[in-house]
Amino acid sequence: MTIDRLRLSCTVLALALLTSCAGNDTTVLQRLDPETGVTIKRASAPIVMYRDMSATSAFGRDYVYVGPIQVNTMGQREYFLWLGIWGSSDSAERRRKMDDFEAVVLYADGEPLSLEVKGWTPGTIGASDDVYVKPVASALDGYYRVTVDQMRLIAESRDLELRAGATRPQRYVPWDSHQGSSQALVAFLRELDW
């Protein structure tokens, strides 16, 4: 075999390997936080929930993105749900939204899961930067401590609903079928390291 032929064979093999790697659809992402040293694992896509507000404006909707997170600090694992909270309403409502989302209740097949916010910044869970990409720059990030069993209950449910706001309860439902939107959560749970 000549050197040119060997180079060509190596190039073809390298391209084949790179192409096969590029074709993988990763549903769980993991990274080492360079500043805090924690390992953060998350689903590739959050569950999108919404509240219809078409009575106030033609395209009025509020949204809540719900994404699972595992934070591994030298073998000690903690679990959170990230809520990306945003909508078509006025940004002056930011403080009210934070108040409304201090505590939320997720209903998984009618089973209430009461969650309290741990904090509004990535630093509250040990991250130096956003874990999920915000859907819009003005979105609020809320981090809620959960257990693996609670995440499993959410992933396996056929009916999901989120309620926020003690004084004016707001009801959010999945944007599309919950079974379809929870596939990333199911994959996340499968890949958890205990």
N, C-alpha and C. Protein backbone atom coordinates (compact mmCIF):
# COMPACT_ATOMS: atom_id res chain seq x y z
N MET A 1 0.86 -1.17 0.00
CA MET A 1 0.00 0.00 0.00
C MET A 1 0.90 1.24 0.00
N THR A 2 0.62 2.16 -0.88
CA THR A 2 1.43 3.37 -0.97
C THR A 2 1.01 4.34 0.13
N ILE A 3 1.85 5.33 0.36
CA ILE A 3 1.60 6.34 1.40
C ILE A 3 0.35 7.15 1.05
N ASP A 4 0.15 7.50 -0.22
CA ASP A 4 -1.04 8.26 -0.62
C ASP A 4 -2.32 7.47 -0.35
N ARG A 5 -2.25 6.19 -0.65
CA ARG A 5 -3.42 5.35 -0.41
C ARG A 5 -3.70 5.20 1.08
N LEU A 6 -2.65 5.09 1.87
CA LEU A 6 -2.79 4.99 3.33
C LEU A 6 -3.40 6.27 3.89
N ARG A 7 -2.92 7.42 3.41
CA ARG A 7 -3.48 8.71 3.84
C ARG A 7 -4.96 8.80 3.48
N LEU A 8 -5.29 8.39 2.25
CA LEU A 8 -6.67 8.42 1.80
C LEU A 8 -7.55 7.52 2.68
N SER A 9 -7.06 6.33 2.99
CA SER A 9 -7.82 5.40 3.84
C SER A 9 -8.02 5.99 5.23
N CYS A 10 -6.99 6.60 5.80
CA CYS A 10 -7.10 7.22 7.13
C CYS A 10 -8.06 8.40 7.10
N THR A 11 -8.02 9.19 6.05
CA THR A 11 -8.92 10.33 5.92
C THR A 11 -10.38 9.87 5.84
N VAL A 12 -10.64 8.85 5.03
CA VAL A 12 -11.99 8.31 4.89
C VAL A 12 -12.47 7.75 6.22
N LEU A 13 -11.62 7.04 6.93
CA LEU A 13 -11.99 6.48 8.23
C LEU A 13 -12.29 7.60 9.23
N ALA A 14 -11.45 8.62 9.26
CA ALA A 14 -11.67 9.75 10.18
C ALA A 14 -12.98 10.47 9.86
N LEU A 15 -13.26 10.70 8.60
CA LEU A 15 -14.52 11.34 8.21
C LEU A 15 -15.72 10.49 8.60
N ALA A 16 -15.61 9.19 8.42
CA ALA A 16 -16.72 8.30 8.79
C ALA A 16 -16.97 8.36 10.29
N LEU A 17 -15.90 8.37 11.07
CA LEU A 17 -16.07 8.46 12.53
C LEU A 17 -16.67 9.80 12.94
N LEU A 18 -16.21 10.88 12.36
CA LEU A 18 -16.73 12.20 12.69
C LEU A 18 -18.19 12.33 12.29
N THR A 19 -18.55 11.78 11.15
CA THR A 19 -19.93 11.85 10.69
C THR A 19 -20.84 11.06 11.62
N SER A 20 -20.40 9.90 12.07
CA SER A 20 -21.24 9.11 12.97
C SER A 20 -21.40 9.80 14.31
N CYS A 21 -20.37 10.48 14.78
CA CYS A 21 -20.48 11.23 16.04
C CYS A 21 -21.43 12.41 15.90
N ALA A 22 -21.38 13.07 14.78
CA ALA A 22 -22.22 14.25 14.57
C ALA A 22 -23.68 13.88 14.44
N GLY A 23 -23.97 12.65 14.07
CA GLY A 23 -25.35 12.25 13.87
C GLY A 23 -26.07 11.86 15.14
N ASN A 24 -25.37 11.72 16.26
CA ASN A 24 -26.02 11.32 17.50
C ASN A 24 -26.91 12.43 18.03
N ASP A 25 -28.09 12.05 18.50
CA ASP A 25 -29.03 13.00 19.09
C ASP A 25 -28.90 12.87 20.61
N THR A 26 -28.23 13.79 21.24
CA THR A 26 -28.00 13.73 22.67
C THR A 26 -29.19 14.32 23.40
N THR A 27 -29.81 13.52 24.26
CA THR A 27 -30.95 14.01 25.02
C THR A 27 -30.57 14.43 26.43
N VAL A 28 -29.35 14.11 26.86
CA VAL A 28 -28.86 14.50 28.17
C VAL A 28 -27.50 15.16 27.99
N LEU A 29 -27.34 16.34 28.57
CA LEU A 29 -26.10 17.08 28.45
C LEU A 29 -25.44 17.19 29.82
N GLN A 30 -24.12 17.10 29.83
CA GLN A 30 -23.38 17.17 31.08
C GLN A 30 -22.16 18.06 30.87
N ARG A 31 -21.85 18.87 31.89
CA ARG A 31 -20.66 19.72 31.80
C ARG A 31 -20.08 19.94 33.18
N LEU A 32 -18.81 20.19 33.23
CA LEU A 32 -18.11 20.56 34.45
C LEU A 32 -18.09 22.07 34.52
N ASP A 33 -18.60 22.64 35.61
CA ASP A 33 -18.58 24.10 35.77
C ASP A 33 -17.15 24.51 36.05
N PRO A 34 -16.55 25.34 35.21
CA PRO A 34 -15.14 25.68 35.36
C PRO A 34 -14.83 26.54 36.59
N GLU A 35 -15.82 27.25 37.09
CA GLU A 35 -15.57 28.12 38.24
C GLU A 35 -15.88 27.46 39.58
N THR A 36 -16.94 26.66 39.64
CA THR A 36 -17.33 26.06 40.91
C THR A 36 -16.88 24.62 41.06
N GLY A 37 -16.54 23.96 39.97
CA GLY A 37 -16.07 22.58 40.02
C GLY A 37 -17.16 21.53 40.15
N VAL A 38 -18.43 21.92 40.08
CA VAL A 38 -19.51 20.93 40.15
C VAL A 38 -19.81 20.41 38.75
N THR A 39 -20.31 19.18 38.69
CA THR A 39 -20.74 18.61 37.44
C THR A 39 -22.25 18.79 37.34
N ILE A 40 -22.69 19.34 36.23
CA ILE A 40 -24.10 19.64 36.03
C ILE A 40 -24.62 18.80 34.87
N LYS A 41 -25.69 18.07 35.14
CA LYS A 41 -26.34 17.25 34.12
C LYS A 41 -27.74 17.79 33.93
N ARG A 42 -28.19 17.87 32.67
CA ARG A 42 -29.53 18.37 32.38
C ARG A 42 -30.07 17.71 31.13
N ALA A 43 -31.37 17.82 30.96
CA ALA A 43 -32.01 17.31 29.74
C ALA A 43 -31.73 18.29 28.60
N SER A 44 -31.76 17.80 27.39
CA SER A 44 -31.49 18.66 26.24
C SER A 44 -32.62 19.64 25.98
N ALA A 45 -33.83 19.27 26.39
CA ALA A 45 -34.99 20.14 26.13
C ALA A 45 -35.92 20.12 27.34
N PRO A 46 -36.37 21.29 27.76
CA PRO A 46 -37.32 21.34 28.87
C PRO A 46 -38.74 21.06 28.39
N ILE A 47 -39.63 20.81 29.35
CA ILE A 47 -41.06 20.70 29.06
C ILE A 47 -41.59 22.12 28.97
N VAL A 48 -42.34 22.43 27.93
CA VAL A 48 -42.90 23.77 27.76
C VAL A 48 -44.36 23.75 28.21
N MET A 49 -44.67 24.66 29.15
CA MET A 49 -46.04 24.80 29.64
C MET A 49 -46.50 26.22 29.38
N TYR A 50 -47.81 26.42 29.28
CA TYR A 50 -48.30 27.77 29.00
C TYR A 50 -49.62 28.03 29.70
N ARG A 51 -49.94 29.31 29.77
CA ARG A 51 -51.22 29.78 30.28
C ARG A 51 -51.78 30.73 29.25
N ASP A 52 -52.96 30.43 28.75
CA ASP A 52 -53.59 31.26 27.72
C ASP A 52 -54.14 32.53 28.35
N MET A 53 -53.77 33.67 27.79
CA MET A 53 -54.25 34.96 28.26
C MET A 53 -54.84 35.75 27.10
N SER A 54 -55.47 35.06 26.15
CA SER A 54 -55.99 35.72 24.95
C SER A 54 -57.12 36.70 25.28
N ALA A 55 -57.66 36.65 26.48
CA ALA A 55 -58.68 37.62 26.88
C ALA A 55 -58.08 39.01 27.07
N THR A 56 -56.78 39.07 27.38
CA THR A 56 -56.13 40.37 27.59
C THR A 56 -55.44 40.90 26.34
N SER A 57 -55.00 40.00 25.45
CA SER A 57 -54.42 40.41 24.18
C SER A 57 -54.52 39.24 23.21
N ALA A 58 -54.48 39.55 21.93
CA ALA A 58 -54.71 38.54 20.90
C ALA A 58 -53.78 37.34 21.02
N PHE A 59 -52.52 37.59 21.30
CA PHE A 59 -51.55 36.50 21.39
C PHE A 59 -50.99 36.38 22.79
N GLY A 60 -51.77 36.76 23.79
CA GLY A 60 -51.31 36.77 25.17
C GLY A 60 -51.16 35.37 25.75
N ARG A 61 -49.95 35.06 26.14
CA ARG A 61 -49.64 33.78 26.80
C ARG A 61 -48.50 34.00 27.77
N ASP A 62 -48.55 33.28 28.87
CA ASP A 62 -47.41 33.18 29.78
C ASP A 62 -46.87 31.77 29.65
N TYR A 63 -45.56 31.63 29.78
CA TYR A 63 -44.91 30.34 29.60
C TYR A 63 -44.07 29.99 30.82
N VAL A 64 -43.96 28.70 31.05
CA VAL A 64 -43.04 28.16 32.04
C VAL A 64 -42.33 26.98 31.39
N TYR A 65 -41.02 27.06 31.32
CA TYR A 65 -40.22 25.94 30.83
C TYR A 65 -39.75 25.18 32.06
N VAL A 66 -39.86 23.85 32.04
CA VAL A 66 -39.53 23.01 33.19
C VAL A 66 -38.44 22.02 32.77
N GLY A 67 -37.27 22.14 33.38
CA GLY A 67 -36.16 21.27 33.02
C GLY A 67 -35.48 20.66 34.23
N PRO A 68 -35.15 19.37 34.18
CA PRO A 68 -34.49 18.70 35.30
C PRO A 68 -32.99 19.00 35.34
N ILE A 69 -32.43 18.99 36.55
CA ILE A 69 -31.00 19.25 36.73
C ILE A 69 -30.47 18.32 37.83
N GLN A 70 -29.29 17.77 37.60
CA GLN A 70 -28.55 17.07 38.64
C GLN A 70 -27.27 17.86 38.88
N VAL A 71 -26.98 18.19 40.13
CA VAL A 71 -25.74 18.87 40.50
C VAL A 71 -24.93 17.89 41.33
N ASN A 72 -23.72 17.57 40.85
CA ASN A 72 -22.86 16.62 41.53
C ASN A 72 -21.66 17.38 42.08
N THR A 73 -21.61 17.47 43.41
CA THR A 73 -20.49 18.13 44.09
C THR A 73 -19.68 17.04 44.77
N MET A 74 -18.61 16.62 44.14
CA MET A 74 -17.72 15.58 44.66
C MET A 74 -18.49 14.35 45.16
N GLY A 75 -19.42 13.87 44.36
CA GLY A 75 -20.17 12.66 44.69
C GLY A 75 -21.47 12.90 45.42
N GLN A 76 -21.68 14.09 45.94
CA GLN A 76 -22.95 14.40 46.59
C GLN A 76 -23.88 15.00 45.53
N ARG A 77 -24.99 14.31 45.28
CA ARG A 77 -25.90 14.71 44.21
C ARG A 77 -27.14 15.39 44.76
N GLU A 78 -27.51 16.49 44.10
CA GLU A 78 -28.74 17.20 44.42
C GLU A 78 -29.53 17.33 43.12
N TYR A 79 -30.85 17.40 43.26
CA TYR A 79 -31.71 17.45 42.09
C TYR A 79 -32.61 18.68 42.16
N PHE A 80 -32.80 19.30 41.01
CA PHE A 80 -33.59 20.53 40.92
C PHE A 80 -34.45 20.50 39.67
N LEU A 81 -35.50 21.28 39.70
CA LEU A 81 -36.22 21.62 38.49
C LEU A 81 -35.95 23.09 38.22
N TRP A 82 -35.55 23.38 37.01
CA TRP A 82 -35.39 24.77 36.56
C TRP A 82 -36.71 25.19 35.95
N LEU A 83 -37.19 26.35 36.35
CA LEU A 83 -38.37 26.93 35.73
C LEU A 83 -37.95 28.22 35.05
N GLY A 84 -38.09 28.27 33.74
CA GLY A 84 -37.87 29.48 32.96
C GLY A 84 -39.22 30.15 32.78
N ILE A 85 -39.43 31.27 33.44
CA ILE A 85 -40.75 31.90 33.54
C ILE A 85 -40.77 33.17 32.69
N TRP A 86 -41.69 33.24 31.74
CA TRP A 86 -41.77 34.43 30.90
C TRP A 86 -43.14 34.52 30.23
N GLY A 87 -43.39 35.63 29.62
CA GLY A 87 -44.66 35.78 28.94
C GLY A 87 -44.75 37.06 28.15
N SER A 88 -45.91 37.27 27.61
CA SER A 88 -46.13 38.45 26.79
C SER A 88 -46.54 39.65 27.63
N SER A 89 -46.56 39.48 28.94
CA SER A 89 -46.97 40.58 29.82
C SER A 89 -45.83 41.58 30.04
N ASP A 90 -46.14 42.69 30.61
CA ASP A 90 -45.24 43.80 30.88
C ASP A 90 -44.09 43.36 31.80
N SER A 91 -42.87 43.81 31.54
CA SER A 91 -41.73 43.45 32.37
C SER A 91 -41.82 44.08 33.76
N ALA A 92 -42.69 45.06 33.96
CA ALA A 92 -42.89 45.65 35.29
C ALA A 92 -43.53 44.62 36.22
N GLU A 93 -44.06 43.55 35.65
CA GLU A 93 -44.69 42.50 36.43
C GLU A 93 -43.66 41.51 37.00
N ARG A 94 -42.38 41.74 36.78
CA ARG A 94 -41.32 40.81 37.19
C ARG A 94 -41.39 40.48 38.68
N ARG A 95 -41.52 41.50 39.54
CA ARG A 95 -41.56 41.27 40.98
C ARG A 95 -42.79 40.44 41.37
N ARG A 96 -43.93 40.73 40.75
CA ARG A 96 -45.13 39.96 41.04
C ARG A 96 -44.97 38.51 40.61
N LYS A 97 -44.33 38.31 39.45
CA LYS A 97 -44.10 36.94 38.99
C LYS A 97 -43.21 36.18 39.97
N MET A 98 -42.17 36.86 40.48
CA MET A 98 -41.31 36.20 41.47
C MET A 98 -42.12 35.82 42.71
N ASP A 99 -42.99 36.71 43.15
CA ASP A 99 -43.84 36.41 44.30
C ASP A 99 -44.76 35.23 44.00
N ASP A 100 -45.35 35.22 42.81
CA ASP A 100 -46.26 34.14 42.42
C ASP A 100 -45.56 32.79 42.34
N PHE A 101 -44.27 32.79 42.02
CA PHE A 101 -43.53 31.55 41.83
C PHE A 101 -42.62 31.20 43.01
N GLU A 102 -42.80 31.85 44.16
CA GLU A 102 -42.04 31.46 45.36
C GLU A 102 -42.36 30.01 45.71
N ALA A 103 -43.61 29.64 45.55
CA ALA A 103 -44.04 28.26 45.77
C ALA A 103 -44.99 27.89 44.63
N VAL A 104 -44.79 26.71 44.08
CA VAL A 104 -45.65 26.23 43.01
C VAL A 104 -46.13 24.83 43.37
N VAL A 105 -47.18 24.41 42.73
CA VAL A 105 -47.66 23.04 42.88
C VAL A 105 -47.74 22.43 41.49
N LEU A 106 -47.01 21.34 41.31
CA LEU A 106 -47.09 20.56 40.08
C LEU A 106 -48.03 19.39 40.35
N TYR A 107 -49.00 19.22 39.49
CA TYR A 107 -49.93 18.09 39.62
C TYR A 107 -49.56 17.07 38.55
N ALA A 108 -49.14 15.89 39.00
CA ALA A 108 -48.81 14.79 38.10
C ALA A 108 -49.89 13.73 38.27
N ASP A 109 -50.75 13.58 37.27
CA ASP A 109 -51.91 12.70 37.35
C ASP A 109 -52.74 12.99 38.60
N GLY A 110 -52.89 14.27 38.92
CA GLY A 110 -53.69 14.68 40.07
C GLY A 110 -52.95 14.68 41.39
N GLU A 111 -51.76 14.11 41.44
CA GLU A 111 -50.95 14.06 42.67
C GLU A 111 -50.22 15.39 42.83
N PRO A 112 -50.49 16.13 43.92
CA PRO A 112 -49.84 17.44 44.08
C PRO A 112 -48.40 17.31 44.60
N LEU A 113 -47.50 18.01 43.94
CA LEU A 113 -46.10 18.09 44.37
C LEU A 113 -45.82 19.56 44.68
N SER A 114 -45.76 19.90 45.96
CA SER A 114 -45.50 21.29 46.37
C SER A 114 -44.01 21.55 46.33
N LEU A 115 -43.63 22.61 45.63
CA LEU A 115 -42.21 22.96 45.48
C LEU A 115 -42.00 24.41 45.88
N GLU A 116 -40.91 24.66 46.62
CA GLU A 116 -40.55 26.02 46.99
C GLU A 116 -39.26 26.39 46.30
N VAL A 117 -39.18 27.63 45.87
CA VAL A 117 -38.00 28.09 45.15
C VAL A 117 -36.79 28.09 46.09
N LYS A 118 -35.69 27.58 45.59
CA LYS A 118 -34.42 27.65 46.34
C LYS A 118 -33.74 28.97 46.06
N GLY A 119 -33.89 29.46 44.84
CA GLY A 119 -33.28 30.74 44.47
C GLY A 119 -33.56 31.10 43.03
N TRP A 120 -33.15 32.33 42.69
CA TRP A 120 -33.43 32.89 41.37
C TRP A 120 -32.18 33.04 40.51
N THR A 121 -31.05 32.54 40.97
CA THR A 121 -29.81 32.64 40.19
C THR A 121 -29.14 31.27 40.12
N PRO A 122 -28.33 31.03 39.10
CA PRO A 122 -27.62 29.75 39.00
C PRO A 122 -26.72 29.49 40.22
N GLY A 123 -26.24 30.55 40.85
CA GLY A 123 -25.38 30.39 42.02
C GLY A 123 -26.06 29.68 43.18
N THR A 124 -27.38 29.72 43.24
CA THR A 124 -28.08 29.07 44.34
C THR A 124 -27.99 27.55 44.27
N ILE A 125 -27.65 27.00 43.11
CA ILE A 125 -27.48 25.55 42.99
C ILE A 125 -26.00 25.18 42.78
N GLY A 126 -25.12 26.16 42.87
CA GLY A 126 -23.70 25.89 42.72
C GLY A 126 -23.15 26.08 41.32
N ALA A 127 -23.91 26.66 40.43
CA ALA A 127 -23.46 26.88 39.05
C ALA A 127 -23.02 28.34 38.88
N SER A 128 -22.06 28.55 38.03
CA SER A 128 -21.57 29.92 37.80
C SER A 128 -22.27 30.57 36.60
N ASP A 129 -23.00 29.79 35.84
CA ASP A 129 -23.65 30.30 34.63
C ASP A 129 -25.00 29.60 34.47
N ASP A 130 -25.84 30.14 33.58
CA ASP A 130 -27.16 29.54 33.33
C ASP A 130 -27.00 28.07 32.94
N VAL A 131 -27.88 27.22 33.48
CA VAL A 131 -27.85 25.81 33.16
C VAL A 131 -28.60 25.57 31.85
N TYR A 132 -29.76 26.17 31.70
CA TYR A 132 -30.54 26.11 30.47
C TYR A 132 -30.46 27.47 29.79
N VAL A 133 -30.62 27.47 28.48
CA VAL A 133 -30.68 28.71 27.73
C VAL A 133 -32.05 29.33 27.98
N LYS A 134 -32.06 30.59 28.38
CA LYS A 134 -33.33 31.27 28.61
C LYS A 134 -34.09 31.40 27.29
N PRO A 135 -35.40 31.19 27.33
CA PRO A 135 -36.18 31.31 26.09
C PRO A 135 -36.20 32.75 25.57
N VAL A 136 -36.18 33.73 26.49
CA VAL A 136 -36.05 35.15 26.15
C VAL A 136 -35.19 35.79 27.23
N ALA A 137 -34.55 36.90 26.90
CA ALA A 137 -33.64 37.54 27.85
C ALA A 137 -34.32 37.97 29.14
N SER A 138 -35.59 38.32 29.08
CA SER A 138 -36.29 38.80 30.27
C SER A 138 -36.87 37.69 31.15
N ALA A 139 -36.65 36.44 30.77
CA ALA A 139 -37.21 35.32 31.54
C ALA A 139 -36.59 35.24 32.93
N LEU A 140 -37.40 34.84 33.89
CA LEU A 140 -36.92 34.57 35.24
C LEU A 140 -36.43 33.14 35.31
N ASP A 141 -35.36 32.91 36.05
CA ASP A 141 -34.89 31.56 36.31
C ASP A 141 -35.22 31.22 37.74
N GLY A 142 -35.99 30.18 37.96
CA GLY A 142 -36.27 29.70 39.30
C GLY A 142 -35.74 28.29 39.45
N TYR A 143 -35.13 28.00 40.61
CA TYR A 143 -34.57 26.67 40.86
C TYR A 143 -35.28 26.06 42.07
N TYR A 144 -35.85 24.87 41.89
CA TYR A 144 -36.66 24.21 42.90
C TYR A 144 -36.07 22.84 43.21
N ARG A 145 -35.79 22.58 44.49
CA ARG A 145 -35.23 21.30 44.90
C ARG A 145 -36.31 20.22 44.77
N VAL A 146 -35.93 19.08 44.19
CA VAL A 146 -36.83 17.94 44.03
C VAL A 146 -36.08 16.65 44.34
N THR A 147 -36.81 15.58 44.40
CA THR A 147 -36.21 14.25 44.54
C THR A 147 -36.30 13.53 43.20
N VAL A 148 -35.54 12.46 43.08
CA VAL A 148 -35.60 11.64 41.87
C VAL A 148 -37.00 11.05 41.74
N ASP A 149 -37.59 10.65 42.86
CA ASP A 149 -38.94 10.08 42.81
C ASP A 149 -39.96 11.10 42.30
N GLN A 150 -39.83 12.35 42.69
CA GLN A 150 -40.74 13.38 42.19
C GLN A 150 -40.56 13.57 40.69
N MET A 151 -39.30 13.58 40.21
CA MET A 151 -39.07 13.71 38.78
C MET A 151 -39.64 12.51 38.03
N ARG A 152 -39.50 11.34 38.60
CA ARG A 152 -40.03 10.13 37.97
C ARG A 152 -41.56 10.20 37.88
N LEU A 153 -42.20 10.69 38.94
CA LEU A 153 -43.65 10.83 38.94
C LEU A 153 -44.10 11.80 37.83
N ILE A 154 -43.37 12.90 37.66
CA ILE A 154 -43.67 13.87 36.60
C ILE A 154 -43.50 13.22 35.22
N ALA A 155 -42.39 12.51 35.04
CA ALA A 155 -42.10 11.91 33.74
C ALA A 155 -43.10 10.83 33.36
N GLU A 156 -43.59 10.07 34.34
CA GLU A 156 -44.48 8.96 34.06
C GLU A 156 -45.96 9.37 34.01
N SER A 157 -46.26 10.61 34.37
CA SER A 157 -47.67 11.02 34.43
C SER A 157 -48.24 11.20 33.02
N ARG A 158 -49.54 10.99 32.91
CA ARG A 158 -50.26 11.21 31.65
C ARG A 158 -50.85 12.61 31.60
N ASP A 159 -51.02 13.22 32.79
CA ASP A 159 -51.63 14.54 32.88
C ASP A 159 -50.77 15.40 33.80
N LEU A 160 -50.31 16.54 33.29
CA LEU A 160 -49.44 17.42 34.06
C LEU A 160 -50.02 18.82 34.08
N GLU A 161 -49.95 19.45 35.23
CA GLU A 161 -50.44 20.81 35.39
C GLU A 161 -49.58 21.51 36.44
N LEU A 162 -49.32 22.78 36.23
CA LEU A 162 -48.57 23.58 37.20
C LEU A 162 -49.45 24.73 37.65
N ARG A 163 -49.47 24.98 38.95
CA ARG A 163 -50.22 26.12 39.48
C ARG A 163 -49.28 26.99 40.29
N ALA A 164 -49.37 28.29 40.03
CA ALA A 164 -48.53 29.27 40.72
C ALA A 164 -49.41 30.43 41.15
N GLY A 165 -49.00 31.09 42.22
CA GLY A 165 -49.73 32.27 42.69
C GLY A 165 -50.71 31.95 43.78
N ALA A 166 -50.41 32.40 44.98
CA ALA A 166 -51.30 32.12 46.12
C ALA A 166 -52.56 32.98 46.06
N THR A 167 -52.39 34.26 45.71
CA THR A 167 -53.55 35.17 45.73
C THR A 167 -54.38 35.06 44.45
N ARG A 168 -53.70 34.93 43.31
CA ARG A 168 -54.38 34.77 42.01
C ARG A 168 -53.83 33.52 41.34
N PRO A 169 -54.36 32.34 41.68
CA PRO A 169 -53.80 31.10 41.11
C PRO A 169 -53.81 31.11 39.58
N GLN A 170 -52.70 30.70 39.02
CA GLN A 170 -52.54 30.62 37.57
C GLN A 170 -52.28 29.17 37.20
N ARG A 171 -52.94 28.71 36.15
CA ARG A 171 -52.85 27.31 35.73
C ARG A 171 -52.08 27.21 34.42
N TYR A 172 -51.04 26.39 34.41
CA TYR A 172 -50.22 26.15 33.21
C TYR A 172 -50.35 24.69 32.82
N VAL A 173 -50.46 24.44 31.53
CA VAL A 173 -50.57 23.08 31.00
C VAL A 173 -49.50 22.89 29.92
N PRO A 174 -49.15 21.64 29.59
CA PRO A 174 -48.14 21.42 28.55
C PRO A 174 -48.56 22.00 27.20
N TRP A 175 -47.57 22.55 26.50
CA TRP A 175 -47.80 23.12 25.17
C TRP A 175 -48.25 22.05 24.20
N ASP A 176 -47.59 20.92 24.22
CA ASP A 176 -47.99 19.79 23.38
C ASP A 176 -48.32 18.62 24.30
N SER A 177 -48.53 17.45 23.75
CA SER A 177 -48.87 16.31 24.61
C SER A 177 -47.76 16.10 25.63
N HIS A 178 -48.15 15.85 26.86
CA HIS A 178 -47.15 15.69 27.91
C HIS A 178 -46.24 14.50 27.64
N GLN A 179 -46.78 13.42 27.07
CA GLN A 179 -45.93 12.26 26.79
C GLN A 179 -44.81 12.64 25.82
N GLY A 180 -45.12 13.43 24.82
CA GLY A 180 -44.10 13.86 23.87
C GLY A 180 -43.09 14.79 24.49
N SER A 181 -43.56 15.72 25.31
CA SER A 181 -42.64 16.71 25.87
C SER A 181 -41.81 16.15 27.01
N SER A 182 -42.22 15.04 27.61
CA SER A 182 -41.46 14.51 28.73
C SER A 182 -40.40 13.49 28.30
N GLN A 183 -40.24 13.25 27.01
CA GLN A 183 -39.24 12.28 26.55
C GLN A 183 -37.83 12.63 27.00
N ALA A 184 -37.49 13.93 26.98
CA ALA A 184 -36.16 14.34 27.43
C ALA A 184 -35.99 14.09 28.93
N LEU A 185 -37.06 14.28 29.70
CA LEU A 185 -37.02 14.00 31.14
C LEU A 185 -36.84 12.51 31.39
N VAL A 186 -37.53 11.67 30.64
CA VAL A 186 -37.38 10.22 30.77
C VAL A 186 -35.94 9.81 30.46
N ALA A 187 -35.36 10.35 29.39
CA ALA A 187 -33.98 10.05 29.04
C ALA A 187 -33.02 10.53 30.12
N PHE A 188 -33.29 11.71 30.68
CA PHE A 188 -32.48 12.25 31.78
C PHE A 188 -32.49 11.28 32.96
N LEU A 189 -33.65 10.80 33.34
CA LEU A 189 -33.76 9.87 34.48
C LEU A 189 -33.02 8.57 34.22
N ARG A 190 -33.05 8.10 32.97
CA ARG A 190 -32.34 6.87 32.61
C ARG A 190 -30.83 7.00 32.78
N GLU A 191 -30.33 8.21 32.55
CA GLU A 191 -28.88 8.40 32.57
C GLU A 191 -28.33 8.94 33.88
N LEU A 192 -29.16 9.00 34.91
CA LEU A 192 -28.67 9.50 36.20
C LEU A 192 -27.65 8.54 36.78
N ASP A 193 -26.60 9.10 37.32
CA ASP A 193 -25.61 8.29 38.02
C ASP A 193 -25.89 8.42 39.52
N TRP A 194 -26.02 7.31 40.17
CA TRP A 194 -26.40 7.32 41.59
C TRP A 194 -25.18 7.31 42.42
